[in-house]
Amino acid sequence: DFTKPEVSLETSGKVLGVSFHPFVPHVLLSYSMGMGACDMRVWNLGEGGGETTDEREPEVLIDVHGEGEIMNVSWNENGTRIVTTAKDKKARVIDPRKNVVVHEVAIQEAERECWA
C-alpha cells in the first residue's frame, strides 16, 4: 500500500536531503535546516526503532556545522565517515560515532557536491 508511510520521521526544520548508508540498508542520514542552525541525524529504520512510527528518535544527532548551511552530504565507501560541503565554503569529514570533525578544508566557491 503506497498511500500509508511505513515510517514517519520528524526533524527540527526543512529537510535538505537524505542519504542511505552504503552497507546497512535500514540506516538513513538526513540533514536539515531549522531555526538558523543545520543538523544531521542518523536514523535506524530497522527493528527496535520504536514501537510506532511516532516514537522514532534519531540514533545520532550530529551538530558540527554551527550556523553554516549544509549543501550536500555523502557517506564514504564503507560508511564510517560522512563528507559535507557547506555555504561557509568548507568541506568537512565527520566521524558520526564520535560526533567530531576529523578533517576540514576550504573549497572553491563553485563546489556544490561532494563524494567520499
N, C-alpha and C. Protein backbone atom coordinates (compact mmCIF):
# COMPACT_ATOMS: atom_id res chain seq x y z
N ASP A 1 0.84 -1.18 0.00
CA ASP A 1 0.00 0.00 0.00
C ASP A 1 0.89 1.24 0.00
N PHE A 2 0.85 2.02 -1.05
CA PHE A 2 1.69 3.20 -1.20
C PHE A 2 1.05 4.46 -0.61
N THR A 3 -0.14 4.35 -0.07
CA THR A 3 -0.81 5.52 0.47
C THR A 3 -0.50 5.78 1.93
N LYS A 4 0.07 4.79 2.62
CA LYS A 4 0.38 4.95 4.04
C LYS A 4 1.88 4.72 4.25
N PRO A 5 2.58 5.69 4.88
CA PRO A 5 4.03 5.50 5.10
C PRO A 5 4.31 4.41 6.12
N GLU A 6 5.40 3.67 5.90
CA GLU A 6 5.81 2.66 6.87
C GLU A 6 6.49 3.31 8.07
N VAL A 7 7.20 4.42 7.81
CA VAL A 7 7.92 5.14 8.86
C VAL A 7 7.75 6.63 8.62
N SER A 8 7.56 7.37 9.68
CA SER A 8 7.49 8.83 9.61
C SER A 8 8.51 9.38 10.60
N LEU A 9 9.41 10.24 10.12
CA LEU A 9 10.47 10.79 10.96
C LEU A 9 10.29 12.29 11.07
N GLU A 10 10.55 12.83 12.26
CA GLU A 10 10.44 14.26 12.45
C GLU A 10 11.81 14.85 12.73
N THR A 11 12.04 16.04 12.16
CA THR A 11 13.31 16.72 12.33
C THR A 11 13.05 18.17 12.73
N SER A 12 14.11 18.92 12.95
CA SER A 12 13.97 20.27 13.50
C SER A 12 13.57 21.34 12.51
N GLY A 13 13.54 21.04 11.24
CA GLY A 13 13.21 22.06 10.26
C GLY A 13 13.06 21.47 8.88
N LYS A 14 13.36 22.28 7.89
CA LYS A 14 13.25 21.87 6.48
C LYS A 14 14.33 20.83 6.15
N VAL A 15 13.91 19.69 5.67
CA VAL A 15 14.85 18.64 5.27
C VAL A 15 15.48 19.03 3.95
N LEU A 16 16.82 19.09 3.94
CA LEU A 16 17.55 19.48 2.73
C LEU A 16 17.95 18.27 1.90
N GLY A 17 18.09 17.09 2.55
CA GLY A 17 18.46 15.90 1.82
C GLY A 17 18.58 14.69 2.72
N VAL A 18 18.65 13.52 2.08
CA VAL A 18 18.82 12.26 2.80
C VAL A 18 19.82 11.39 2.04
N SER A 19 20.43 10.46 2.77
CA SER A 19 21.38 9.54 2.16
C SER A 19 21.37 8.23 2.93
N PHE A 20 21.14 7.12 2.23
CA PHE A 20 21.18 5.82 2.89
C PHE A 20 22.62 5.36 3.07
N HIS A 21 22.86 4.63 4.16
CA HIS A 21 24.18 4.05 4.44
C HIS A 21 24.55 3.11 3.29
N PRO A 22 25.83 3.06 2.88
CA PRO A 22 26.20 2.23 1.74
C PRO A 22 26.09 0.72 1.98
N PHE A 23 26.13 0.26 3.24
CA PHE A 23 26.07 -1.17 3.50
C PHE A 23 24.91 -1.60 4.39
N VAL A 24 24.40 -0.71 5.20
CA VAL A 24 23.32 -1.05 6.12
C VAL A 24 22.04 -0.42 5.58
N PRO A 25 21.18 -1.22 4.94
CA PRO A 25 20.05 -0.65 4.22
C PRO A 25 19.01 0.06 5.08
N HIS A 26 18.99 -0.18 6.37
CA HIS A 26 17.98 0.47 7.22
C HIS A 26 18.54 1.67 7.99
N VAL A 27 19.75 2.13 7.65
CA VAL A 27 20.33 3.32 8.29
C VAL A 27 20.28 4.48 7.31
N LEU A 28 19.69 5.59 7.74
CA LEU A 28 19.46 6.75 6.90
C LEU A 28 20.06 7.99 7.56
N LEU A 29 20.71 8.82 6.77
CA LEU A 29 21.24 10.10 7.23
C LEU A 29 20.37 11.20 6.64
N SER A 30 19.86 12.10 7.48
CA SER A 30 19.11 13.25 6.98
C SER A 30 19.84 14.52 7.43
N TYR A 31 19.73 15.56 6.63
CA TYR A 31 20.26 16.85 7.06
C TYR A 31 19.21 17.90 6.82
N SER A 32 19.09 18.81 7.79
CA SER A 32 18.00 19.77 7.77
C SER A 32 18.46 21.12 8.29
N MET A 33 17.66 22.13 7.97
CA MET A 33 17.93 23.50 8.40
C MET A 33 16.71 23.98 9.17
N GLY A 34 16.95 24.44 10.40
CA GLY A 34 15.85 24.93 11.21
C GLY A 34 16.34 25.90 12.26
N MET A 35 15.64 27.00 12.44
CA MET A 35 15.96 27.99 13.46
C MET A 35 17.40 28.49 13.38
N GLY A 36 17.89 28.68 12.15
CA GLY A 36 19.22 29.24 11.94
C GLY A 36 20.37 28.28 12.10
N ALA A 37 20.10 27.01 12.38
CA ALA A 37 21.18 26.03 12.55
C ALA A 37 20.89 24.81 11.69
N CYS A 38 21.95 24.18 11.26
CA CYS A 38 21.86 22.99 10.42
C CYS A 38 22.28 21.79 11.25
N ASP A 39 21.55 20.69 11.12
CA ASP A 39 21.97 19.49 11.83
C ASP A 39 21.79 18.27 10.95
N MET A 40 22.48 17.21 11.32
CA MET A 40 22.37 15.93 10.64
C MET A 40 21.91 14.90 11.66
N ARG A 41 21.10 13.97 11.20
CA ARG A 41 20.59 12.92 12.07
C ARG A 41 20.76 11.58 11.39
N VAL A 42 21.24 10.60 12.14
CA VAL A 42 21.35 9.23 11.64
C VAL A 42 20.20 8.44 12.26
N TRP A 43 19.39 7.83 11.40
CA TRP A 43 18.19 7.12 11.82
C TRP A 43 18.35 5.62 11.60
N ASN A 44 17.83 4.82 12.52
CA ASN A 44 17.75 3.38 12.36
C ASN A 44 16.31 3.05 12.00
N LEU A 45 16.08 2.67 10.76
CA LEU A 45 14.73 2.37 10.29
C LEU A 45 14.36 0.91 10.48
N GLY A 46 15.30 0.11 11.00
CA GLY A 46 15.06 -1.31 11.19
C GLY A 46 14.35 -1.60 12.49
N GLU A 47 14.44 -2.83 12.93
CA GLU A 47 13.80 -3.27 14.17
C GLU A 47 14.34 -2.50 15.36
N GLY A 48 13.48 -2.27 16.34
CA GLY A 48 13.91 -1.62 17.57
C GLY A 48 13.96 -0.11 17.49
N GLY A 49 13.47 0.47 16.41
CA GLY A 49 13.48 1.92 16.27
C GLY A 49 12.35 2.62 16.98
N GLY A 50 11.49 1.87 17.64
CA GLY A 50 10.33 2.43 18.33
C GLY A 50 9.12 1.56 18.07
N GLU A 51 8.20 1.55 19.01
CA GLU A 51 7.02 0.71 18.88
C GLU A 51 6.11 1.19 17.75
N THR A 52 6.02 2.50 17.58
CA THR A 52 5.23 3.05 16.49
C THR A 52 6.09 4.06 15.74
N THR A 53 5.60 4.48 14.61
CA THR A 53 6.37 5.45 13.82
C THR A 53 6.51 6.77 14.55
N ASP A 54 5.55 7.11 15.43
CA ASP A 54 5.61 8.37 16.16
C ASP A 54 6.71 8.39 17.22
N GLU A 55 7.23 7.22 17.60
CA GLU A 55 8.23 7.13 18.66
C GLU A 55 9.66 7.09 18.14
N ARG A 56 9.83 7.19 16.84
CA ARG A 56 11.19 7.11 16.27
C ARG A 56 12.02 8.31 16.68
N GLU A 57 13.19 8.05 17.19
CA GLU A 57 14.16 9.09 17.54
C GLU A 57 15.44 8.79 16.77
N PRO A 58 16.22 9.82 16.41
CA PRO A 58 17.47 9.56 15.71
C PRO A 58 18.46 8.82 16.62
N GLU A 59 19.23 7.93 16.02
CA GLU A 59 20.28 7.22 16.76
C GLU A 59 21.40 8.18 17.13
N VAL A 60 21.71 9.10 16.22
CA VAL A 60 22.80 10.06 16.42
C VAL A 60 22.33 11.42 15.91
N LEU A 61 22.59 12.47 16.70
CA LEU A 61 22.36 13.84 16.26
C LEU A 61 23.74 14.48 16.09
N ILE A 62 24.07 14.87 14.87
CA ILE A 62 25.39 15.45 14.56
C ILE A 62 25.23 16.95 14.41
N ASP A 63 25.92 17.70 15.26
CA ASP A 63 25.81 19.15 15.25
C ASP A 63 27.21 19.75 15.24
N VAL A 64 27.84 19.73 14.08
CA VAL A 64 29.22 20.22 13.98
C VAL A 64 29.36 21.38 13.01
N HIS A 65 28.27 21.81 12.40
CA HIS A 65 28.33 22.88 11.42
C HIS A 65 28.00 24.25 11.98
N GLY A 66 27.49 24.32 13.17
CA GLY A 66 27.10 25.62 13.71
C GLY A 66 25.99 26.22 12.88
N GLU A 67 26.22 27.41 12.35
CA GLU A 67 25.19 28.08 11.57
C GLU A 67 25.42 27.99 10.07
N GLY A 68 26.41 27.21 9.63
CA GLY A 68 26.67 27.06 8.21
C GLY A 68 25.72 26.07 7.58
N GLU A 69 24.98 26.52 6.56
CA GLU A 69 24.02 25.64 5.91
C GLU A 69 24.73 24.56 5.09
N ILE A 70 24.35 23.32 5.29
CA ILE A 70 24.93 22.19 4.57
C ILE A 70 24.35 22.16 3.16
N MET A 71 25.22 22.00 2.18
CA MET A 71 24.79 21.94 0.78
C MET A 71 24.63 20.50 0.30
N ASN A 72 25.50 19.60 0.80
CA ASN A 72 25.48 18.22 0.34
C ASN A 72 26.18 17.33 1.36
N VAL A 73 25.77 16.07 1.41
CA VAL A 73 26.43 15.08 2.26
C VAL A 73 26.63 13.79 1.48
N SER A 74 27.62 13.02 1.90
CA SER A 74 27.88 11.73 1.29
C SER A 74 28.59 10.84 2.30
N TRP A 75 28.20 9.56 2.36
CA TRP A 75 28.93 8.58 3.17
C TRP A 75 30.21 8.20 2.43
N ASN A 76 31.25 7.82 3.18
CA ASN A 76 32.41 7.25 2.49
C ASN A 76 32.07 5.82 2.08
N GLU A 77 32.97 5.16 1.38
CA GLU A 77 32.64 3.87 0.77
C GLU A 77 32.29 2.77 1.76
N ASN A 78 32.81 2.83 2.99
CA ASN A 78 32.46 1.79 3.97
C ASN A 78 31.53 2.28 5.07
N GLY A 79 31.06 3.52 4.98
CA GLY A 79 30.07 4.03 5.90
C GLY A 79 30.57 4.45 7.26
N THR A 80 31.87 4.68 7.39
CA THR A 80 32.42 5.07 8.70
C THR A 80 32.58 6.58 8.84
N ARG A 81 32.52 7.31 7.76
CA ARG A 81 32.67 8.76 7.78
C ARG A 81 31.61 9.40 6.89
N ILE A 82 31.35 10.68 7.15
CA ILE A 82 30.43 11.47 6.34
C ILE A 82 31.19 12.69 5.84
N VAL A 83 31.06 13.00 4.56
CA VAL A 83 31.69 14.19 3.98
C VAL A 83 30.58 15.20 3.69
N THR A 84 30.81 16.46 4.08
CA THR A 84 29.83 17.50 3.83
C THR A 84 30.47 18.69 3.13
N THR A 85 29.67 19.41 2.37
CA THR A 85 30.05 20.73 1.89
C THR A 85 29.00 21.70 2.42
N ALA A 86 29.43 22.94 2.70
CA ALA A 86 28.53 23.90 3.31
C ALA A 86 28.69 25.28 2.70
N LYS A 87 27.74 26.16 2.99
CA LYS A 87 27.79 27.52 2.47
C LYS A 87 28.95 28.32 3.03
N ASP A 88 29.55 27.87 4.12
CA ASP A 88 30.70 28.58 4.67
C ASP A 88 31.98 28.26 3.89
N LYS A 89 31.82 27.59 2.73
CA LYS A 89 32.91 27.27 1.80
C LYS A 89 33.95 26.33 2.42
N LYS A 90 33.46 25.35 3.19
CA LYS A 90 34.33 24.35 3.78
C LYS A 90 33.76 22.97 3.53
N ALA A 91 34.67 22.02 3.30
CA ALA A 91 34.30 20.61 3.25
C ALA A 91 34.78 19.98 4.55
N ARG A 92 33.94 19.14 5.14
CA ARG A 92 34.29 18.51 6.41
C ARG A 92 34.13 17.01 6.30
N VAL A 93 35.04 16.29 6.92
CA VAL A 93 34.93 14.84 7.09
C VAL A 93 34.55 14.63 8.55
N ILE A 94 33.44 13.96 8.78
CA ILE A 94 32.88 13.81 10.12
C ILE A 94 32.84 12.35 10.51
N ASP A 95 33.23 12.07 11.75
CA ASP A 95 33.07 10.74 12.33
C ASP A 95 31.73 10.74 13.06
N PRO A 96 30.71 10.07 12.51
CA PRO A 96 29.38 10.14 13.11
C PRO A 96 29.29 9.44 14.47
N ARG A 97 30.16 8.49 14.72
CA ARG A 97 30.12 7.78 16.01
C ARG A 97 30.63 8.65 17.15
N LYS A 98 31.56 9.55 16.83
CA LYS A 98 32.15 10.42 17.86
C LYS A 98 31.61 11.84 17.80
N ASN A 99 30.85 12.16 16.75
CA ASN A 99 30.29 13.49 16.56
C ASN A 99 31.38 14.56 16.53
N VAL A 100 32.44 14.28 15.77
CA VAL A 100 33.55 15.23 15.65
C VAL A 100 33.96 15.36 14.18
N VAL A 101 34.49 16.54 13.86
CA VAL A 101 35.08 16.77 12.55
C VAL A 101 36.51 16.24 12.60
N VAL A 102 36.84 15.30 11.72
CA VAL A 102 38.20 14.75 11.70
C VAL A 102 39.09 15.44 10.68
N HIS A 103 38.47 16.15 9.73
CA HIS A 103 39.26 16.90 8.75
C HIS A 103 38.37 18.00 8.18
N GLU A 104 38.97 19.17 7.94
CA GLU A 104 38.25 20.30 7.38
C GLU A 104 39.16 21.01 6.39
N VAL A 105 38.59 21.40 5.24
CA VAL A 105 39.38 22.06 4.22
C VAL A 105 38.52 23.11 3.52
N ALA A 106 39.14 24.23 3.11
CA ALA A 106 38.44 25.25 2.34
C ALA A 106 38.20 24.73 0.93
N ILE A 107 37.06 25.10 0.36
CA ILE A 107 36.73 24.66 -1.00
C ILE A 107 36.48 25.88 -1.87
N GLN A 108 36.47 25.64 -3.18
CA GLN A 108 36.19 26.73 -4.11
C GLN A 108 34.73 27.12 -4.03
N GLU A 109 34.44 28.32 -4.42
CA GLU A 109 33.09 28.85 -4.34
C GLU A 109 32.09 28.06 -5.17
N ALA A 110 32.52 27.49 -6.29
CA ALA A 110 31.61 26.80 -7.20
C ALA A 110 31.26 25.39 -6.75
N GLU A 111 31.98 24.80 -5.82
CA GLU A 111 31.73 23.43 -5.40
C GLU A 111 30.37 23.31 -4.71
N ARG A 112 29.56 22.34 -5.12
CA ARG A 112 28.26 22.13 -4.52
C ARG A 112 28.08 20.67 -4.08
N GLU A 113 28.75 19.75 -4.74
CA GLU A 113 28.58 18.34 -4.41
C GLU A 113 29.87 17.78 -3.87
N CYS A 114 29.72 16.66 -3.13
CA CYS A 114 30.91 16.01 -2.58
C CYS A 114 30.76 14.50 -2.72
N TRP A 115 31.88 13.85 -2.86
CA TRP A 115 31.92 12.39 -2.91
C TRP A 115 32.99 11.93 -1.95
N ALA A 116 32.70 10.88 -1.23
CA ALA A 116 33.67 10.37 -0.24
C ALA A 116 34.64 9.41 -0.90
